[in-house]
Amino acid sequence: MSRRAPLSVVLTLILAGGVGCSGPAENSSASRSSRGAVKVPSCGQQLSIAQPPERVVTLDQSSTETLLALGLQDRMVGTANLKTKIAPQYRAAYDKVPVLNPKILTGEQLRAASPDFVVSSFTDLYTKDRAGTRKELRELGLPSFVSAVDCPEANDPGLTPFERLFQDYENLGRIFHAKDRAAALVSEQRKVTGRAAKTREDLVGRPSVVWVYSVFNGVPYVGGRGGMPSAMSSAIGARNAFDDVKEEWPEVSWEEIAKRDPDVIVIGDLSERGTPGDSAGEKRAMMREHPVVSRLAAVRKNRIIQVPGIEMDPSVRTVHALQRFVDGMKDLGYVR
């Protein structure tokens, strides 16, 4: 890699049609530390950022869409790992950014782009056989950012995933001299989570929910404890059926789902990714055809809510999934 300054990148959440972020970042000296650099924590590392990044590479669609939501496409020199179609409001901007790899980015591809910062929503994209470990990148002079949502052990354990996401916005808003913009985005997000919280008052009982993200080789992956599905369930007062499993996306069996006998099943649609079992239609068919799962009341009575799969992860779209979940629970009669 060529020499590069220790820079970072912003990961901010925006509602579709919400706060506009197409203008240049604010140039505020108040966002800098007394030594001239912004210092922010990121998953066990303390980043010291002298100035906003100029050549950013994103390792996943969630971080890609976040930067596009902020109007930062002119600072992006590469994207990777597209799971589904880019949201329509970001498509024109996305088309201007090089796609280094539609799948998982390699270390060689990352270095070839000569970035000054790399950002990912997920720690597992920073491995030797992928982009490289964060330690390796740091030794090469390339700082990296990971969302606090995927690194709860390095943050206040009392924070919800949404609060950790808000923490990201505030820290990264400082990095890009966009504190006002970040504050506005947090405000918009709190409106959505606040409306969801009010649903608790009208919730009928405490329904249990299973969130089915993907099915690989016939095996379902569901929302466990600590992830966004758990947070969305808790937000309205429902119970995530797999909250006893301390993994964000544990691999389980259909029989185990049947044992939990959920009141509602939320399925993610990842049709464009193209792997067998990714589409919502395939998941519905598997549940209807399974000799045990097909007997569940949630399947027989079609108490199934469909959301885009990518919205189950922390991203610019997560609040959209939360709102769809609330609306779905209302349609199913679980909210008075």
Protein backbone atom coordinates (compact mmCIF):
# COMPACT_ATOMS: atom_id res chain seq x y z
CA MET A 1 0.00 0.00 0.00
CA SER A 2 1.03 3.58 -0.55
CA ARG A 3 1.60 5.80 2.48
CA ARG A 4 -1.63 7.23 3.89
CA ALA A 5 -2.69 9.38 6.80
CA PRO A 6 -4.73 7.91 9.70
CA LEU A 7 -8.20 8.72 8.48
CA SER A 8 -11.66 7.27 9.07
CA VAL A 9 -15.08 7.03 7.52
CA VAL A 10 -18.60 7.79 8.62
CA LEU A 11 -21.29 5.20 9.16
CA THR A 12 -24.61 6.98 9.62
CA LEU A 13 -28.23 5.90 9.52
CA ILE A 14 -30.81 7.81 7.49
CA LEU A 15 -34.49 7.29 6.90
CA ALA A 16 -35.63 7.06 3.32
CA GLY A 17 -36.89 10.51 2.54
CA GLY A 18 -35.54 11.74 5.87
CA VAL A 19 -32.70 14.14 6.57
CA GLY A 20 -30.95 15.38 3.44
CA CYS A 21 -27.19 14.83 3.42
CA SER A 22 -26.05 15.63 -0.08
CA GLY A 23 -24.00 18.75 0.70
CA PRO A 24 -20.36 18.95 1.75
CA ALA A 25 -19.39 18.04 5.28
CA GLU A 26 -19.47 20.89 7.76
CA ASN A 27 -16.12 22.51 8.39
CA SER A 28 -16.23 23.00 12.14
CA SER A 29 -13.08 23.43 14.20
CA ALA A 30 -15.16 22.56 17.26
CA SER A 31 -15.28 18.95 16.05
CA ARG A 32 -11.51 18.59 16.45
CA SER A 33 -9.67 17.77 19.65
CA SER A 34 -7.27 20.20 21.28
CA ARG A 35 -4.42 18.46 19.45
CA GLY A 36 -6.03 18.95 16.06
CA ALA A 37 -7.35 15.41 15.65
CA VAL A 38 -10.68 13.79 16.39
CA LYS A 39 -10.33 10.74 18.64
CA VAL A 40 -13.05 8.09 18.53
CA PRO A 41 -13.25 4.48 19.73
CA SER A 42 -13.95 1.69 17.25
CA CYS A 43 -14.27 -1.88 18.45
CA GLY A 44 -11.28 -1.90 20.78
CA GLN A 45 -9.17 0.57 18.83
CA GLN A 46 -8.77 4.29 19.48
CA LEU A 47 -8.76 6.13 16.17
CA SER A 48 -7.09 9.51 15.84
CA ILE A 49 -8.45 11.29 12.77
CA ALA A 50 -6.62 14.39 11.54
CA GLN A 51 -8.99 15.20 8.69
CA PRO A 52 -11.92 13.63 6.80
CA PRO A 53 -11.09 10.65 4.57
CA GLU A 54 -10.59 11.17 0.85
CA ARG A 55 -10.31 7.57 -0.45
CA VAL A 56 -12.71 5.25 1.33
CA VAL A 57 -13.45 1.59 0.61
CA THR A 58 -16.58 -0.04 2.07
CA LEU A 59 -16.63 -3.79 2.65
CA ASP A 60 -20.38 -4.37 2.77
CA GLN A 61 -23.62 -2.99 1.41
CA SER A 62 -24.77 -1.53 4.70
CA SER A 63 -21.74 0.73 5.03
CA THR A 64 -21.89 1.53 1.31
CA GLU A 65 -25.45 2.79 1.52
CA THR A 66 -24.65 4.75 4.63
CA LEU A 67 -21.95 6.73 2.86
CA LEU A 68 -24.21 7.26 -0.11
CA ALA A 69 -26.93 8.50 2.23
CA LEU A 70 -24.46 11.13 3.43
CA GLY A 71 -23.62 12.21 -0.11
CA LEU A 72 -20.02 11.02 0.23
CA GLN A 73 -19.79 9.11 -3.06
CA ASP A 74 -17.05 11.48 -4.25
CA ARG A 75 -14.82 10.19 -1.41
CA MET A 76 -15.47 6.52 -2.18
CA VAL A 77 -12.96 4.63 -4.33
CA GLY A 78 -14.57 1.23 -4.01
CA THR A 79 -17.44 -0.88 -2.68
CA ALA A 80 -18.05 -4.60 -2.28
CA ASN A 81 -20.36 -7.34 -1.06
CA LEU A 82 -23.74 -6.45 -2.55
CA LYS A 83 -26.47 -8.61 -0.99
CA THR A 84 -29.50 -7.13 -2.71
CA LYS A 85 -30.47 -4.20 -4.90
CA ILE A 86 -29.19 -0.82 -3.82
CA ALA A 87 -32.01 1.29 -2.40
CA PRO A 88 -33.51 3.43 -5.21
CA GLN A 89 -32.65 6.73 -3.53
CA TYR A 90 -28.94 5.82 -3.60
CA ARG A 91 -28.75 4.18 -7.04
CA ALA A 92 -27.55 7.16 -9.07
CA ALA A 93 -24.78 7.88 -6.58
CA TYR A 94 -23.85 4.19 -6.34
CA ASP A 95 -23.38 3.95 -10.09
CA LYS A 96 -20.54 6.50 -9.81
CA VAL A 97 -18.51 4.38 -7.37
CA PRO A 98 -16.26 1.51 -8.55
CA VAL A 99 -17.41 -1.97 -7.53
CA LEU A 100 -14.20 -3.74 -6.54
CA ASN A 101 -15.94 -7.05 -5.94
CA PRO A 102 -19.69 -7.82 -5.93
CA LYS A 103 -18.90 -10.46 -3.29
CA ILE A 104 -16.33 -10.52 -0.46
CA LEU A 105 -13.37 -8.18 -1.00
CA THR A 106 -9.85 -9.62 -0.85
CA GLY A 107 -6.80 -7.98 0.61
CA GLU A 108 -5.22 -7.65 -2.83
CA GLN A 109 -8.28 -5.86 -4.20
CA LEU A 110 -8.35 -3.56 -1.20
CA ARG A 111 -4.69 -2.59 -1.57
CA ALA A 112 -5.09 -2.00 -5.32
CA ALA A 113 -7.64 0.75 -4.58
CA SER A 114 -5.06 2.67 -2.44
CA PRO A 115 -7.62 3.70 0.21
CA ASP A 116 -6.97 5.95 3.18
CA PHE A 117 -9.72 4.33 5.21
CA VAL A 118 -11.82 1.18 5.18
CA VAL A 119 -15.19 0.69 6.84
CA SER A 120 -17.33 -2.34 7.57
CA SER A 121 -20.44 -2.99 9.57
CA PHE A 122 -19.05 -6.39 10.55
CA THR A 123 -15.89 -7.60 12.26
CA ASP A 124 -15.84 -10.88 10.31
CA LEU A 125 -14.90 -9.06 7.10
CA TYR A 126 -11.55 -8.17 8.71
CA THR A 127 -9.78 -11.54 8.49
CA LYS A 128 -6.55 -12.73 6.88
CA ASP A 129 -8.40 -14.46 4.05
CA ARG A 130 -10.63 -11.43 3.39
CA ALA A 131 -9.63 -7.75 3.62
CA GLY A 132 -6.98 -8.47 6.26
CA THR A 133 -7.11 -8.13 10.03
CA ARG A 134 -7.49 -4.68 11.53
CA LYS A 135 -4.05 -5.10 13.10
CA GLU A 136 -2.51 -5.85 9.72
CA LEU A 137 -4.23 -2.86 8.15
CA ARG A 138 -3.15 -0.58 11.00
CA GLU A 139 0.47 -1.68 10.57
CA LEU A 140 0.19 -0.74 6.90
CA GLY A 141 -1.05 2.71 7.85
CA LEU A 142 -4.66 1.99 6.94
CA PRO A 143 -7.13 2.70 9.77
CA SER A 144 -10.42 0.82 9.86
CA PHE A 145 -13.83 1.28 11.38
CA VAL A 146 -16.35 -1.26 12.69
CA SER A 147 -19.85 -0.44 13.82
CA ALA A 148 -20.31 -0.60 17.58
CA VAL A 149 -23.39 -2.74 16.95
CA ASP A 150 -21.13 -5.62 15.91
CA CYS A 151 -18.78 -5.06 18.83
CA PRO A 152 -20.91 -4.71 21.98
CA GLU A 153 -18.21 -6.03 24.31
CA ALA A 154 -16.10 -2.94 23.56
CA ASN A 155 -18.93 -0.56 24.45
CA ASP A 156 -21.31 0.05 27.33
CA PRO A 157 -23.07 -3.34 27.68
CA GLY A 158 -26.19 -1.54 28.84
CA LEU A 159 -26.72 0.11 25.46
CA THR A 160 -29.25 -1.35 23.03
CA PRO A 161 -28.14 -2.05 19.45
CA PHE A 162 -29.99 1.06 18.32
CA GLU A 163 -28.20 3.17 20.95
CA ARG A 164 -24.85 1.79 19.80
CA LEU A 165 -25.79 2.73 16.26
CA PHE A 166 -26.62 6.25 17.42
CA GLN A 167 -23.23 6.33 19.13
CA ASP A 168 -21.63 5.54 15.78
CA TYR A 169 -23.40 8.45 14.12
CA GLU A 170 -22.26 10.90 16.76
CA ASN A 171 -18.62 9.76 16.70
CA LEU A 172 -18.42 9.56 12.93
CA GLY A 173 -20.28 12.82 12.50
CA ARG A 174 -17.40 14.42 14.39
CA ILE A 175 -14.87 12.76 12.10
CA PHE A 176 -16.48 14.24 8.98
CA HIS A 177 -17.14 17.61 10.63
CA ALA A 178 -20.83 16.83 10.28
CA LYS A 179 -21.98 16.96 13.91
CA ASP A 180 -25.20 18.80 13.10
CA ARG A 181 -26.03 16.31 10.38
CA ALA A 182 -25.37 13.36 12.68
CA ALA A 183 -27.50 14.93 15.40
CA ALA A 184 -30.37 15.34 12.95
CA LEU A 185 -30.09 11.71 11.89
CA VAL A 186 -30.11 10.52 15.49
CA SER A 187 -33.17 12.66 16.10
CA GLU A 188 -34.97 11.07 13.14
CA GLN A 189 -34.04 7.59 14.37
CA ARG A 190 -35.28 8.30 17.87
CA LYS A 191 -38.64 9.30 16.44
CA VAL A 192 -39.00 5.86 14.84
CA THR A 193 -37.83 3.90 17.88
CA GLY A 194 -39.98 6.13 20.08
CA ARG A 195 -43.09 5.34 18.05
CA ALA A 196 -42.22 1.64 18.23
CA ALA A 197 -41.85 1.86 22.01
CA LYS A 198 -45.34 3.31 22.30
CA THR A 199 -46.62 0.11 20.69
CA ARG A 200 -45.88 -1.63 24.00
CA GLU A 201 -48.91 0.09 25.52
CA ASP A 202 -51.23 -1.56 22.99
CA LEU A 203 -49.48 -4.90 22.57
CA VAL A 204 -51.69 -7.93 23.19
CA GLY A 205 -49.82 -10.18 25.61
CA ARG A 206 -46.12 -10.81 24.96
CA PRO A 207 -46.02 -12.63 21.62
CA SER A 208 -42.92 -14.59 20.69
CA VAL A 209 -41.18 -14.03 17.37
CA VAL A 210 -38.70 -16.03 15.30
CA TRP A 211 -36.66 -14.04 12.78
CA VAL A 212 -35.46 -16.23 9.88
CA TYR A 213 -32.65 -14.50 8.02
CA SER A 214 -31.39 -17.13 5.59
CA VAL A 215 -31.51 -20.85 4.90
CA PHE A 216 -28.27 -22.51 3.79
CA ASN A 217 -28.28 -26.15 2.68
CA GLY A 218 -31.72 -26.46 4.23
CA VAL A 219 -30.57 -25.13 7.63
CA PRO A 220 -32.15 -21.88 8.91
CA TYR A 221 -30.22 -19.02 10.50
CA VAL A 222 -32.29 -17.05 12.98
CA GLY A 223 -32.00 -13.90 15.05
CA GLY A 224 -30.39 -14.61 18.42
CA ARG A 225 -29.57 -12.41 21.39
CA GLY A 226 -27.83 -9.08 20.85
CA GLY A 227 -28.68 -8.43 17.21
CA MET A 228 -31.13 -6.08 15.57
CA PRO A 229 -33.99 -8.65 15.48
CA SER A 230 -33.71 -9.01 19.24
CA ALA A 231 -33.67 -5.22 19.60
CA MET A 232 -36.70 -4.79 17.34
CA SER A 233 -38.65 -7.42 19.26
CA SER A 234 -37.77 -5.81 22.57
CA ALA A 235 -38.62 -2.35 21.24
CA ILE A 236 -42.32 -3.20 20.99
CA GLY A 237 -42.45 -5.54 23.98
CA ALA A 238 -42.44 -8.81 22.04
CA ARG A 239 -40.12 -11.72 22.88
CA ASN A 240 -37.43 -12.92 20.52
CA ALA A 241 -37.81 -16.71 20.69
CA PHE A 242 -34.05 -17.31 20.44
CA ASP A 243 -32.88 -14.71 22.95
CA ASP A 244 -31.45 -17.55 25.01
CA VAL A 245 -28.81 -18.11 22.32
CA LYS A 246 -25.88 -15.69 22.68
CA GLU A 247 -25.21 -15.32 18.97
CA GLU A 248 -26.54 -12.76 16.54
CA TRP A 249 -27.34 -15.33 13.83
CA PRO A 250 -27.23 -18.86 15.25
CA GLU A 251 -27.67 -21.88 13.02
CA VAL A 252 -30.62 -23.92 14.27
CA SER A 253 -32.87 -26.70 13.01
CA TRP A 254 -36.44 -26.43 11.76
CA GLU A 255 -37.36 -28.80 14.57
CA GLU A 256 -35.91 -26.38 17.13
CA ILE A 257 -38.00 -23.58 15.63
CA ALA A 258 -41.04 -25.83 15.96
CA LYS A 259 -40.22 -26.46 19.64
CA ARG A 260 -40.26 -22.71 20.28
CA ASP A 261 -43.73 -22.56 18.66
CA PRO A 262 -43.53 -18.81 17.88
CA ASP A 263 -46.64 -16.69 17.61
CA VAL A 264 -45.13 -14.84 14.64
CA ILE A 265 -42.38 -15.60 12.13
CA VAL A 266 -40.46 -12.80 10.39
CA ILE A 267 -38.67 -13.85 7.20
CA GLY A 268 -35.98 -11.95 5.37
CA ASP A 269 -36.02 -11.69 1.59
CA LEU A 270 -32.57 -11.86 -0.02
CA SER A 271 -33.76 -12.83 -3.48
CA GLU A 272 -31.09 -10.91 -5.39
CA ARG A 273 -28.25 -12.63 -3.53
CA GLY A 274 -29.18 -15.78 -5.41
CA THR A 275 -28.27 -18.51 -2.93
CA PRO A 276 -30.87 -21.32 -2.64
CA GLY A 277 -33.10 -20.55 0.34
CA ASP A 278 -32.50 -16.80 0.22
CA SER A 279 -35.84 -15.66 -1.18
CA ALA A 280 -38.89 -15.15 1.00
CA GLY A 281 -40.88 -17.43 -1.32
CA GLU A 282 -38.45 -20.30 -0.79
CA LYS A 283 -38.61 -19.85 2.98
CA ARG A 284 -42.40 -19.91 2.92
CA ALA A 285 -42.37 -23.07 0.78
CA MET A 286 -39.89 -24.80 3.11
CA MET A 287 -42.06 -24.06 6.13
CA ARG A 288 -45.25 -25.23 4.42
CA GLU A 289 -43.61 -28.45 3.26
CA HIS A 290 -41.76 -29.31 6.48
CA PRO A 291 -43.58 -32.15 8.30
CA VAL A 292 -43.26 -30.45 11.72
CA VAL A 293 -43.03 -26.72 11.02
CA SER A 294 -46.05 -26.86 8.75
CA ARG A 295 -48.17 -27.70 11.83
CA LEU A 296 -47.27 -24.49 13.64
CA ALA A 297 -50.16 -22.06 14.05
CA ALA A 298 -47.91 -19.27 12.77
CA VAL A 299 -47.51 -21.15 9.48
CA ARG A 300 -51.06 -22.50 9.20
CA LYS A 301 -52.59 -19.09 9.92
CA ASN A 302 -49.99 -17.21 7.86
CA ARG A 303 -48.75 -15.14 10.78
CA ILE A 304 -45.65 -14.30 8.76
CA ILE A 305 -44.12 -10.86 8.27
CA GLN A 306 -41.75 -10.30 5.36
CA VAL A 307 -38.92 -7.72 5.40
CA PRO A 308 -35.87 -7.22 3.17
CA GLY A 309 -33.15 -9.42 4.63
CA ILE A 310 -30.52 -6.69 4.62
CA GLU A 311 -32.74 -4.62 6.91
CA MET A 312 -32.29 -7.20 9.68
CA ASP A 313 -28.66 -6.04 9.91
CA PRO A 314 -27.60 -2.64 11.30
CA SER A 315 -27.83 -0.30 8.33
CA VAL A 316 -29.47 2.79 6.91
CA ARG A 317 -32.52 0.59 6.44
CA THR A 318 -32.96 -0.96 9.88
CA VAL A 319 -35.60 1.51 11.04
CA HIS A 320 -37.59 0.66 7.92
CA ALA A 321 -37.65 -2.99 9.04
CA LEU A 322 -38.70 -1.87 12.52
CA GLN A 323 -41.63 0.06 11.09
CA ARG A 324 -42.64 -2.89 8.86
CA PHE A 325 -42.50 -5.15 11.90
CA VAL A 326 -44.75 -2.81 13.87
CA ASP A 327 -47.20 -2.55 10.97
CA GLY A 328 -47.18 -6.32 10.51
CA MET A 329 -47.94 -6.94 14.17
CA LYS A 330 -50.85 -4.51 13.90
CA ASP A 331 -52.17 -6.31 10.81
CA LEU A 332 -51.97 -9.63 12.64
CA GLY A 333 -53.97 -8.28 15.56
CA TYR A 334 -51.18 -8.23 18.14
CA VAL A 335 -51.48 -4.48 18.57
CA ARG A 336 -54.83 -3.03 19.62
